[in-house]
Amino acid sequence: IHNMAWYRQTPGKQRELVASITKGGSINYADSAKGR
């Protein structure tokens, strides 16, 4: 139903998006996650 994502957070920093997947299956990655 929803577009979903993985996030990560380290102490003192804002939560950042790592990877996302839409309800239709489209996928995007943060540059730091691409290829890994």
Full PDB file with SEQRES, HELIX, SHEET, SSBOND, CRYST1, ORIGX, SCALE, CONECT and MASTER records, all heavy atoms in Angstrom:
SEQRES   1 A   36  ILE HIS ASN MET ALA TRP TYR ARG GLN THR PRO GLY LYS          
SEQRES   2 A   36  GLN ARG GLU LEU VAL ALA SER ILE THR LYS GLY GLY SER          
SEQRES   3 A   36  ILE ASN TYR ALA ASP SER ALA LYS GLY ARG                      
SHEET    1 AA1 3 MET A   4  ARG A   8  0                                        
SHEET    2 AA1 3 GLU A  16  ILE A  21 -1                                        
SHEET    3 AA1 3 ILE A  27  TYR A  29 -1                                        
CRYST1    1.000    1.000    1.000  90.00  90.00  90.00 P 1           1          
ORIGX1      1.000000  0.000000  0.000000        0.00000                         
ORIGX2      0.000000  1.000000  0.000000        0.00000                         
ORIGX3      0.000000  0.000000  1.000000        0.00000                         
SCALE1      1.000000  0.000000  0.000000        0.00000                         
SCALE2      0.000000  1.000000  0.000000        0.00000                         
SCALE3      0.000000  0.000000  1.000000        0.00000                         
ATOM      1  N   ILE A   1       0.822  -1.210   0.000  1.00  0.00           N  
ATOM      2  CA  ILE A   1       0.000   0.000   0.000  1.00  0.00           C  
ATOM      3  C   ILE A   1       0.854   1.257   0.000  1.00  0.00           C  
ATOM      4  O   ILE A   1       0.500   2.262  -0.611  1.00  0.00           O  
ATOM      5  CB  ILE A   1      -0.933   0.011   1.229  1.00  0.00           C  
ATOM      6  CG1 ILE A   1      -1.860  -1.206   1.199  1.00  0.00           C  
ATOM      7  CG2 ILE A   1      -1.728   1.304   1.284  1.00  0.00           C  
ATOM      8  CD1 ILE A   1      -2.686  -1.360   2.453  1.00  0.00           C  
ATOM      9  N   HIS A   2       1.971   1.203   0.717  1.00  0.00           N  
ATOM     10  CA  HIS A   2       2.802   2.388   0.915  1.00  0.00           C  
ATOM     11  C   HIS A   2       4.180   2.229   0.285  1.00  0.00           C  
ATOM     12  O   HIS A   2       4.701   1.117   0.159  1.00  0.00           O  
ATOM     13  CB  HIS A   2       2.985   2.650   2.406  1.00  0.00           C  
ATOM     14  CG  HIS A   2       1.709   2.931   3.128  1.00  0.00           C  
ATOM     15  ND1 HIS A   2       1.013   4.113   2.968  1.00  0.00           N  
ATOM     16  CD2 HIS A   2       0.988   2.178   3.992  1.00  0.00           C  
ATOM     17  CE1 HIS A   2      -0.075   4.074   3.723  1.00  0.00           C  
ATOM     18  NE2 HIS A   2      -0.119   2.922   4.343  1.00  0.00           N  
ATOM     19  N   ASN A   3       4.753   3.347  -0.087  1.00  0.00           N  
ATOM     20  CA  ASN A   3       6.166   3.384  -0.449  1.00  0.00           C  
ATOM     21  C   ASN A   3       6.959   3.307   0.846  1.00  0.00           C  
ATOM     22  O   ASN A   3       6.698   4.051   1.787  1.00  0.00           O  
ATOM     23  CB  ASN A   3       6.501   4.674  -1.194  1.00  0.00           C  
ATOM     24  CG  ASN A   3       5.697   4.820  -2.475  1.00  0.00           C  
ATOM     25  OD1 ASN A   3       5.239   3.836  -3.044  1.00  0.00           O  
ATOM     26  ND2 ASN A   3       5.523   6.044  -2.909  1.00  0.00           N  
ATOM     27  N   MET A   4       7.939   2.416   0.885  1.00  0.00           N  
ATOM     28  CA  MET A   4       8.666   2.140   2.123  1.00  0.00           C  
ATOM     29  C   MET A   4      10.148   2.402   1.966  1.00  0.00           C  
ATOM     30  O   MET A   4      10.669   2.510   0.845  1.00  0.00           O  
ATOM     31  CB  MET A   4       8.447   0.677   2.534  1.00  0.00           C  
ATOM     32  CG  MET A   4       7.000   0.306   2.792  1.00  0.00           C  
ATOM     33  SD  MET A   4       6.297   1.192   4.195  1.00  0.00           S  
ATOM     34  CE  MET A   4       7.346   0.613   5.530  1.00  0.00           C  
ATOM     35  N   ALA A   5      10.830   2.473   3.098  1.00  0.00           N  
ATOM     36  CA  ALA A   5      12.260   2.774   3.040  1.00  0.00           C  
ATOM     37  C   ALA A   5      12.984   2.252   4.266  1.00  0.00           C  
ATOM     38  O   ALA A   5      12.370   2.011   5.313  1.00  0.00           O  
ATOM     39  CB  ALA A   5      12.480   4.275   2.922  1.00  0.00           C  
ATOM     40  N   TRP A   6      14.264   2.068   4.102  1.00  0.00           N  
ATOM     41  CA  TRP A   6      15.184   1.826   5.211  1.00  0.00           C  
ATOM     42  C   TRP A   6      15.922   3.132   5.494  1.00  0.00           C  
ATOM     43  O   TRP A   6      16.338   3.841   4.567  1.00  0.00           O  
ATOM     44  CB  TRP A   6      16.185   0.734   4.861  1.00  0.00           C  
ATOM     45  CG  TRP A   6      15.651  -0.648   4.980  1.00  0.00           C  
ATOM     46  CD1 TRP A   6      15.167  -1.441   3.978  1.00  0.00           C  
ATOM     47  CD2 TRP A   6      15.566  -1.428   6.180  1.00  0.00           C  
ATOM     48  NE1 TRP A   6      14.770  -2.655   4.469  1.00  0.00           N  
ATOM     49  CE2 TRP A   6      15.013  -2.679   5.824  1.00  0.00           C  
ATOM     50  CE3 TRP A   6      15.896  -1.205   7.510  1.00  0.00           C  
ATOM     51  CZ2 TRP A   6      14.786  -3.697   6.756  1.00  0.00           C  
ATOM     52  CZ3 TRP A   6      15.679  -2.208   8.427  1.00  0.00           C  
ATOM     53  CH2 TRP A   6      15.127  -3.443   8.051  1.00  0.00           C  
ATOM     54  N   TYR A   7      16.098   3.407   6.773  1.00  0.00           N  
ATOM     55  CA  TYR A   7      16.818   4.579   7.223  1.00  0.00           C  
ATOM     56  C   TYR A   7      17.912   4.134   8.198  1.00  0.00           C  
ATOM     57  O   TYR A   7      17.857   3.029   8.737  1.00  0.00           O  
ATOM     58  CB  TYR A   7      15.879   5.541   7.966  1.00  0.00           C  
ATOM     59  CG  TYR A   7      14.698   6.008   7.161  1.00  0.00           C  
ATOM     60  CD1 TYR A   7      13.550   5.238   7.071  1.00  0.00           C  
ATOM     61  CD2 TYR A   7      14.724   7.238   6.494  1.00  0.00           C  
ATOM     62  CE1 TYR A   7      12.458   5.657   6.335  1.00  0.00           C  
ATOM     63  CE2 TYR A   7      13.628   7.665   5.756  1.00  0.00           C  
ATOM     64  CZ  TYR A   7      12.503   6.867   5.683  1.00  0.00           C  
ATOM     65  OH  TYR A   7      11.424   7.283   4.946  1.00  0.00           O  
ATOM     66  N   ARG A   8      18.852   5.029   8.458  1.00  0.00           N  
ATOM     67  CA  ARG A   8      19.840   4.759   9.495  1.00  0.00           C  
ATOM     68  C   ARG A   8      20.188   6.060  10.211  1.00  0.00           C  
ATOM     69  O   ARG A   8      20.048   7.149   9.664  1.00  0.00           O  
ATOM     70  CB  ARG A   8      21.093   4.103   8.918  1.00  0.00           C  
ATOM     71  CG  ARG A   8      21.913   4.977   7.994  1.00  0.00           C  
ATOM     72  CD  ARG A   8      23.030   4.150   7.361  1.00  0.00           C  
ATOM     73  NE  ARG A   8      23.882   4.950   6.495  1.00  0.00           N  
ATOM     74  CZ  ARG A   8      24.832   4.438   5.713  1.00  0.00           C  
ATOM     75  NH1 ARG A   8      25.047   3.125   5.690  1.00  0.00           N  
ATOM     76  NH2 ARG A   8      25.565   5.238   4.955  1.00  0.00           N  
ATOM     77  N   GLN A   9      20.639   5.882  11.435  1.00  0.00           N  
ATOM     78  CA  GLN A   9      20.968   7.048  12.259  1.00  0.00           C  
ATOM     79  C   GLN A   9      22.154   6.720  13.140  1.00  0.00           C  
ATOM     80  O   GLN A   9      22.225   5.638  13.751  1.00  0.00           O  
ATOM     81  CB  GLN A   9      19.771   7.456  13.107  1.00  0.00           C  
ATOM     82  CG  GLN A   9      19.965   8.757  13.852  1.00  0.00           C  
ATOM     83  CD  GLN A   9      18.681   9.227  14.525  1.00  0.00           C  
ATOM     84  OE1 GLN A   9      17.809   8.439  14.858  1.00  0.00           O  
ATOM     85  NE2 GLN A   9      18.570  10.541  14.712  1.00  0.00           N  
ATOM     86  N   THR A  10      23.068   7.685  13.225  1.00  0.00           N  
ATOM     87  CA  THR A  10      24.190   7.590  14.145  1.00  0.00           C  
ATOM     88  C   THR A  10      24.039   8.708  15.168  1.00  0.00           C  
ATOM     89  O   THR A  10      23.381   9.716  14.905  1.00  0.00           O  
ATOM     90  CB  THR A  10      25.530   7.715  13.410  1.00  0.00           C  
ATOM     91  OG1 THR A  10      25.527   8.931  12.646  1.00  0.00           O  
ATOM     92  CG2 THR A  10      25.745   6.538  12.466  1.00  0.00           C  
ATOM     93  N   PRO A  11      24.644   8.538  16.342  1.00  0.00           N  
ATOM     94  CA  PRO A  11      24.496   9.550  17.400  1.00  0.00           C  
ATOM     95  C   PRO A  11      24.887  10.940  16.921  1.00  0.00           C  
ATOM     96  O   PRO A  11      25.930  11.126  16.287  1.00  0.00           O  
ATOM     97  CB  PRO A  11      25.445   9.038  18.491  1.00  0.00           C  
ATOM     98  CG  PRO A  11      25.492   7.573  18.290  1.00  0.00           C  
ATOM     99  CD  PRO A  11      25.425   7.372  16.807  1.00  0.00           C  
ATOM    100  N   GLY A  12      24.037  11.891  17.221  1.00  0.00           N  
ATOM    101  CA  GLY A  12      24.332  13.278  16.872  1.00  0.00           C  
ATOM    102  C   GLY A  12      24.002  13.662  15.443  1.00  0.00           C  
ATOM    103  O   GLY A  12      24.199  14.812  15.053  1.00  0.00           O  
ATOM    104  N   LYS A  13      23.511  12.720  14.670  1.00  0.00           N  
ATOM    105  CA  LYS A  13      23.181  12.995  13.271  1.00  0.00           C  
ATOM    106  C   LYS A  13      21.714  12.720  13.008  1.00  0.00           C  
ATOM    107  O   LYS A  13      21.073  11.955  13.709  1.00  0.00           O  
ATOM    108  CB  LYS A  13      24.047  12.159  12.334  1.00  0.00           C  
ATOM    109  CG  LYS A  13      25.517  12.519  12.354  1.00  0.00           C  
ATOM    110  CD  LYS A  13      26.269  11.782  11.266  1.00  0.00           C  
ATOM    111  CE  LYS A  13      27.730  12.175  11.222  1.00  0.00           C  
ATOM    112  NZ  LYS A  13      28.464  11.469  10.140  1.00  0.00           N  
ATOM    113  N   GLN A  14      21.206  13.362  11.954  1.00  0.00           N  
ATOM    114  CA  GLN A  14      19.823  13.117  11.565  1.00  0.00           C  
ATOM    115  C   GLN A  14      19.700  11.751  10.914  1.00  0.00           C  
ATOM    116  O   GLN A  14      20.642  11.231  10.310  1.00  0.00           O  
ATOM    117  CB  GLN A  14      19.363  14.202  10.588  1.00  0.00           C  
ATOM    118  CG  GLN A  14      19.083  15.546  11.239  1.00  0.00           C  
ATOM    119  CD  GLN A  14      18.340  16.489  10.319  1.00  0.00           C  
ATOM    120  OE1 GLN A  14      18.453  16.394   9.106  1.00  0.00           O  
ATOM    121  NE2 GLN A  14      17.558  17.398  10.895  1.00  0.00           N  
ATOM    122  N   ARG A  15      18.507  11.213  11.034  1.00  0.00           N  
ATOM    123  CA  ARG A  15      18.215   9.961  10.370  1.00  0.00           C  
ATOM    124  C   ARG A  15      18.286  10.169   8.856  1.00  0.00           C  
ATOM    125  O   ARG A  15      17.778  11.167   8.340  1.00  0.00           O  
ATOM    126  CB  ARG A  15      16.826   9.484  10.786  1.00  0.00           C  
ATOM    127  CG  ARG A  15      16.504   8.049  10.509  1.00  0.00           C  
ATOM    128  CD  ARG A  15      15.177   7.715  11.169  1.00  0.00           C  
ATOM    129  NE  ARG A  15      15.317   7.404  12.572  1.00  0.00           N  
ATOM    130  CZ  ARG A  15      14.465   7.816  13.505  1.00  0.00           C  
ATOM    131  NH1 ARG A  15      13.438   8.560  13.173  1.00  0.00           N  
ATOM    132  NH2 ARG A  15      14.653   7.474  14.755  1.00  0.00           N  
ATOM    133  N   GLU A  16      18.927   9.250   8.144  1.00  0.00           N  
ATOM    134  CA  GLU A  16      19.077   9.397   6.700  1.00  0.00           C  
ATOM    135  C   GLU A  16      18.495   8.196   5.977  1.00  0.00           C  
ATOM    136  O   GLU A  16      18.524   7.070   6.472  1.00  0.00           O  
ATOM    137  CB  GLU A  16      20.555   9.553   6.312  1.00  0.00           C  
ATOM    138  CG  GLU A  16      21.429   8.356   6.615  1.00  0.00           C  
ATOM    139  CD  GLU A  16      22.843   8.505   6.066  1.00  0.00           C  
ATOM    140  OE1 GLU A  16      23.127   9.523   5.399  1.00  0.00           O  
ATOM    141  OE2 GLU A  16      23.654   7.594   6.311  1.00  0.00           O  
ATOM    142  N   LEU A  17      17.970   8.462   4.793  1.00  0.00           N  
ATOM    143  CA  LEU A  17      17.389   7.401   3.990  1.00  0.00           C  
ATOM    144  C   LEU A  17      18.501   6.601   3.326  1.00  0.00           C  
ATOM    145  O   LEU A  17      19.446   7.167   2.773  1.00  0.00           O  
ATOM    146  CB  LEU A  17      16.449   7.991   2.941  1.00  0.00           C  
ATOM    147  CG  LEU A  17      15.637   6.997   2.114  1.00  0.00           C  
ATOM    148  CD1 LEU A  17      14.256   7.588   1.805  1.00  0.00           C  
ATOM    149  CD2 LEU A  17      16.347   6.639   0.813  1.00  0.00           C  
ATOM    150  N   VAL A  18      18.385   5.294   3.384  1.00  0.00           N  
ATOM    151  CA  VAL A  18      19.373   4.401   2.797  1.00  0.00           C  
ATOM    152  C   VAL A  18      18.869   3.807   1.479  1.00  0.00           C  
ATOM    153  O   VAL A  18      19.587   3.769   0.484  1.00  0.00           O  
ATOM    154  CB  VAL A  18      19.718   3.265   3.775  1.00  0.00           C  
ATOM    155  CG1 VAL A  18      20.669   2.264   3.129  1.00  0.00           C  
ATOM    156  CG2 VAL A  18      20.317   3.820   5.057  1.00  0.00           C  
ATOM    157  N   ALA A  19      17.629   3.337   1.500  1.00  0.00           N  
ATOM    158  CA  ALA A  19      17.050   2.711   0.313  1.00  0.00           C  
ATOM    159  C   ALA A  19      15.536   2.794   0.396  1.00  0.00           C  
ATOM    160  O   ALA A  19      14.979   2.772   1.490  1.00  0.00           O  
ATOM    161  CB  ALA A  19      17.482   1.249   0.198  1.00  0.00           C  
ATOM    162  N   SER A  20      14.899   2.876  -0.753  1.00  0.00           N  
ATOM    163  CA  SER A  20      13.434   2.953  -0.766  1.00  0.00           C  
ATOM    164  C   SER A  20      12.874   2.040  -1.843  1.00  0.00           C  
ATOM    165  O   SER A  20      13.536   1.734  -2.842  1.00  0.00           O  
ATOM    166  CB  SER A  20      12.972   4.387  -0.999  1.00  0.00           C  
ATOM    167  OG  SER A  20      13.402   4.853  -2.261  1.00  0.00           O  
ATOM    168  N   ILE A  21      11.633   1.631  -1.622  1.00  0.00           N  
ATOM    169  CA  ILE A  21      10.934   0.791  -2.594  1.00  0.00           C  
ATOM    170  C   ILE A  21       9.484   1.234  -2.637  1.00  0.00           C  
ATOM    171  O   ILE A  21       8.831   1.352  -1.605  1.00  0.00           O  
ATOM    172  CB  ILE A  21      11.077  -0.708  -2.241  1.00  0.00           C  
ATOM    173  CG1 ILE A  21      10.380  -1.583  -3.284  1.00  0.00           C  
ATOM    174  CG2 ILE A  21      10.564  -1.010  -0.835  1.00  0.00           C  
ATOM    175  CD1 ILE A  21      10.738  -3.060  -3.164  1.00  0.00           C  
ATOM    176  N   THR A  22       8.996   1.544  -3.824  1.00  0.00           N  
ATOM    177  CA  THR A  22       7.611   1.983  -3.944  1.00  0.00           C  
ATOM    178  C   THR A  22       6.670   0.786  -3.927  1.00  0.00           C  
ATOM    179  O   THR A  22       7.093  -0.365  -4.083  1.00  0.00           O  
ATOM    180  CB  THR A  22       7.396   2.769  -5.240  1.00  0.00           C  
ATOM    181  OG1 THR A  22       7.495   1.872  -6.355  1.00  0.00           O  
ATOM    182  CG2 THR A  22       8.407   3.895  -5.384  1.00  0.00           C  
ATOM    183  N   LYS A  23       5.391   1.075  -3.765  1.00  0.00           N  
ATOM    184  CA  LYS A  23       4.406  -0.008  -3.769  1.00  0.00           C  
ATOM    185  C   LYS A  23       4.377  -0.694  -5.129  1.00  0.00           C  
ATOM    186  O   LYS A  23       3.982  -1.858  -5.234  1.00  0.00           O  
ATOM    187  CB  LYS A  23       3.016   0.508  -3.402  1.00  0.00           C  
ATOM    188  CG  LYS A  23       2.533   1.666  -4.235  1.00  0.00           C  
ATOM    189  CD  LYS A  23       1.237   2.226  -3.681  1.00  0.00           C  
ATOM    190  CE  LYS A  23       0.768   3.430  -4.475  1.00  0.00           C  
ATOM    191  NZ  LYS A  23      -0.474   4.011  -3.921  1.00  0.00           N  
ATOM    192  N   GLY A  24       4.854   0.005  -6.148  1.00  0.00           N  
ATOM    193  CA  GLY A  24       4.926  -0.595  -7.464  1.00  0.00           C  
ATOM    194  C   GLY A  24       6.221  -1.334  -7.733  1.00  0.00           C  
ATOM    195  O   GLY A  24       6.361  -1.991  -8.766  1.00  0.00           O  
ATOM    196  N   GLY A  25       7.162  -1.234  -6.787  1.00  0.00           N  
ATOM    197  CA  GLY A  25       8.407  -1.979  -6.918  1.00  0.00           C  
ATOM    198  C   GLY A  25       9.600  -1.193  -7.414  1.00  0.00           C  
ATOM    199  O   GLY A  25      10.685  -1.750  -7.574  1.00  0.00           O  
ATOM    200  N   SER A  26       9.445   0.102  -7.649  1.00  0.00           N  
ATOM    201  CA  SER A  26      10.588   0.914  -8.045  1.00  0.00           C  
ATOM    202  C   SER A  26      11.502   1.122  -6.852  1.00  0.00           C  
ATOM    203  O   SER A  26      11.042   1.357  -5.746  1.00  0.00           O  
ATOM    204  CB  SER A  26      10.126   2.261  -8.592  1.00  0.00           C  
ATOM    205  OG  SER A  26       9.357   2.082  -9.759  1.00  0.00           O  
ATOM    206  N   ILE A  27      12.797   1.059  -7.127  1.00  0.00           N  
ATOM    207  CA  ILE A  27      13.791   1.070  -6.047  1.00  0.00           C  
ATOM    208  C   ILE A  27      14.784   2.210  -6.254  1.00  0.00           C  
ATOM    209  O   ILE A  27      15.192   2.493  -7.388  1.00  0.00           O  
ATOM    210  CB  ILE A  27      14.528  -0.277  -5.994  1.00  0.00           C  
ATOM    211  CG1 ILE A  27      13.585  -1.371  -5.475  1.00  0.00           C  
ATOM    212  CG2 ILE A  27      15.769  -0.184  -5.123  1.00  0.00           C  
ATOM    213  CD1 ILE A  27      14.160  -2.768  -5.561  1.00  0.00           C  
ATOM    214  N   ASN A  28      15.162   2.828  -5.153  1.00  0.00           N  
ATOM    215  CA  ASN A  28      16.216   3.838  -5.173  1.00  0.00           C  
ATOM    216  C   ASN A  28      17.131   3.645  -3.979  1.00  0.00           C  
ATOM    217  O   ASN A  28      16.701   3.172  -2.925  1.00  0.00           O  
ATOM    218  CB  ASN A  28      15.619   5.246  -5.129  1.00  0.00           C  
ATOM    219  CG  ASN A  28      15.126   5.683  -6.495  1.00  0.00           C  
ATOM    220  OD1 ASN A  28      15.913   5.906  -7.414  1.00  0.00           O  
ATOM    221  ND2 ASN A  28      13.818   5.794  -6.642  1.00  0.00           N  
ATOM    222  N   TYR A  29      18.379   4.013  -4.180  1.00  0.00           N  
ATOM    223  CA  TYR A  29      19.377   3.892  -3.122  1.00  0.00           C  
ATOM    224  C   TYR A  29      20.096   5.212  -2.921  1.00  0.00           C  
ATOM    225  O   TYR A  29      20.310   5.967  -3.867  1.00  0.00           O  
ATOM    226  CB  TYR A  29      20.414   2.828  -3.476  1.00  0.00           C  
ATOM    227  CG  TYR A  29      19.857   1.434  -3.609  1.00  0.00           C  
ATOM    228  CD1 TYR A  29      19.564   0.904  -4.862  1.00  0.00           C  
ATOM    229  CD2 TYR A  29      19.620   0.653  -2.485  1.00  0.00           C  
ATOM    230  CE1 TYR A  29      19.039  -0.369  -4.993  1.00  0.00           C  
ATOM    231  CE2 TYR A  29      19.105  -0.626  -2.600  1.00  0.00           C  
ATOM    232  CZ  TYR A  29      18.807  -1.132  -3.851  1.00  0.00           C  
ATOM    233  OH  TYR A  29      18.291  -2.401  -3.965  1.00  0.00           O  
ATOM    234  N   ALA A  30      20.495   5.457  -1.672  1.00  0.00           N  
ATOM    235  CA  ALA A  30      21.413   6.546  -1.409  1.00  0.00           C  
ATOM    236  C   ALA A  30      22.736   6.215  -2.097  1.00  0.00           C  
ATOM    237  O   ALA A  30      23.066   5.038  -2.288  1.00  0.00           O  
ATOM    238  CB  ALA A  30      21.615   6.707   0.088  1.00  0.00           C  
ATOM    239  N   ASP A  31      23.466   7.243  -2.450  1.00  0.00           N  
ATOM    240  CA  ASP A  31      24.743   7.002  -3.133  1.00  0.00           C  
ATOM    241  C   ASP A  31      25.647   6.083  -2.317  1.00  0.00           C  
ATOM    242  O   ASP A  31      26.378   5.252  -2.872  1.00  0.00           O  
ATOM    243  CB  ASP A  31      25.454   8.330  -3.391  1.00  0.00           C  
ATOM    244  CG  ASP A  31      24.785   9.130  -4.500  1.00  0.00           C  
ATOM    245  OD1 ASP A  31      23.987   8.546  -5.259  1.00  0.00           O  
ATOM    246  OD2 ASP A  31      25.067  10.341  -4.590  1.00  0.00           O  
ATOM    247  N   SER A  32      25.584   6.212  -1.000  1.00  0.00           N  
ATOM    248  CA  SER A  32      26.442   5.405  -0.127  1.00  0.00           C  
ATOM    249  C   SER A  32      26.081   3.924  -0.155  1.00  0.00           C  
ATOM    250  O   SER A  32      26.882   3.077   0.238  1.00  0.00           O  
ATOM    251  CB  SER A  32      26.362   5.918   1.310  1.00  0.00           C  
ATOM    252  OG  SER A  32      25.015   5.873   1.770  1.00  0.00           O  
ATOM    253  N   ALA A  33      24.859   3.616  -0.614  1.00  0.00           N  
ATOM    254  CA  ALA A  33      24.378   2.231  -0.603  1.00  0.00           C  
ATOM    255  C   ALA A  33      24.410   1.576  -1.984  1.00  0.00           C  
ATOM    256  O   ALA A  33      24.324   0.345  -2.086  1.00  0.00           O  
ATOM    257  CB  ALA A  33      22.961   2.181  -0.057  1.00  0.00           C  
ATOM    258  N   LYS A  34      24.538   2.361  -3.013  1.00  0.00           N  
ATOM    259  CA  LYS A  34      24.482   1.828  -4.382  1.00  0.00           C  
ATOM    260  C   LYS A  34      25.573   0.795  -4.620  1.00  0.00           C  
ATOM    261  O   LYS A  34      26.727   1.004  -4.276  1.00  0.00           O  
ATOM    262  CB  LYS A  34      24.605   2.961  -5.396  1.00  0.00           C  
ATOM    263  CG  LYS A  34      23.361   3.810  -5.508  1.00  0.00           C  
ATOM    264  CD  LYS A  34      23.561   4.938  -6.515  1.00  0.00           C  
ATOM    265  CE  LYS A  34      22.301   5.809  -6.598  1.00  0.00           C  
ATOM    266  NZ  LYS A  34      22.488   6.969  -7.501  1.00  0.00           N  
ATOM    267  N   GLY A  35      25.160  -0.322  -5.199  1.00  0.00           N  
ATOM    268  CA  GLY A  35      26.105  -1.374  -5.531  1.00  0.00           C  
ATOM    269  C   GLY A  35      26.449  -2.307  -4.382  1.00  0.00           C  
ATOM    270  O   GLY A  35      27.101  -3.335  -4.585  1.00  0.00           O  
ATOM    271  N   ARG A  36      26.010  -1.957  -3.179  1.00  0.00           N  
ATOM    272  CA  ARG A  36      26.322  -2.792  -2.005  1.00  0.00           C  
ATOM    273  C   ARG A  36      25.078  -3.290  -1.281  1.00  0.00           C  
ATOM    274  O   ARG A  36      25.095  -4.391  -0.730  1.00  0.00           O  
ATOM    275  CB  ARG A  36      27.183  -1.996  -1.016  1.00  0.00           C  
ATOM    276  CG  ARG A  36      28.488  -1.513  -1.587  1.00  0.00           C  
ATOM    277  CD  ARG A  36      29.383  -0.894  -0.495  1.00  0.00           C  
ATOM    278  NE  ARG A  36      28.739   0.254   0.149  1.00  0.00           N  
ATOM    279  CZ  ARG A  36      28.544   0.356   1.455  1.00  0.00           C  
ATOM    280  NH1 ARG A  36      28.939  -0.607   2.267  1.00  0.00           N  
ATOM    281  NH2 ARG A  36      27.963   1.437   1.967  1.00  0.00           N  
TER     282      ARG A  36                                                      
MASTER        0    0    0    0    3    0    0    6  281    1    0    3          
END                                                                             
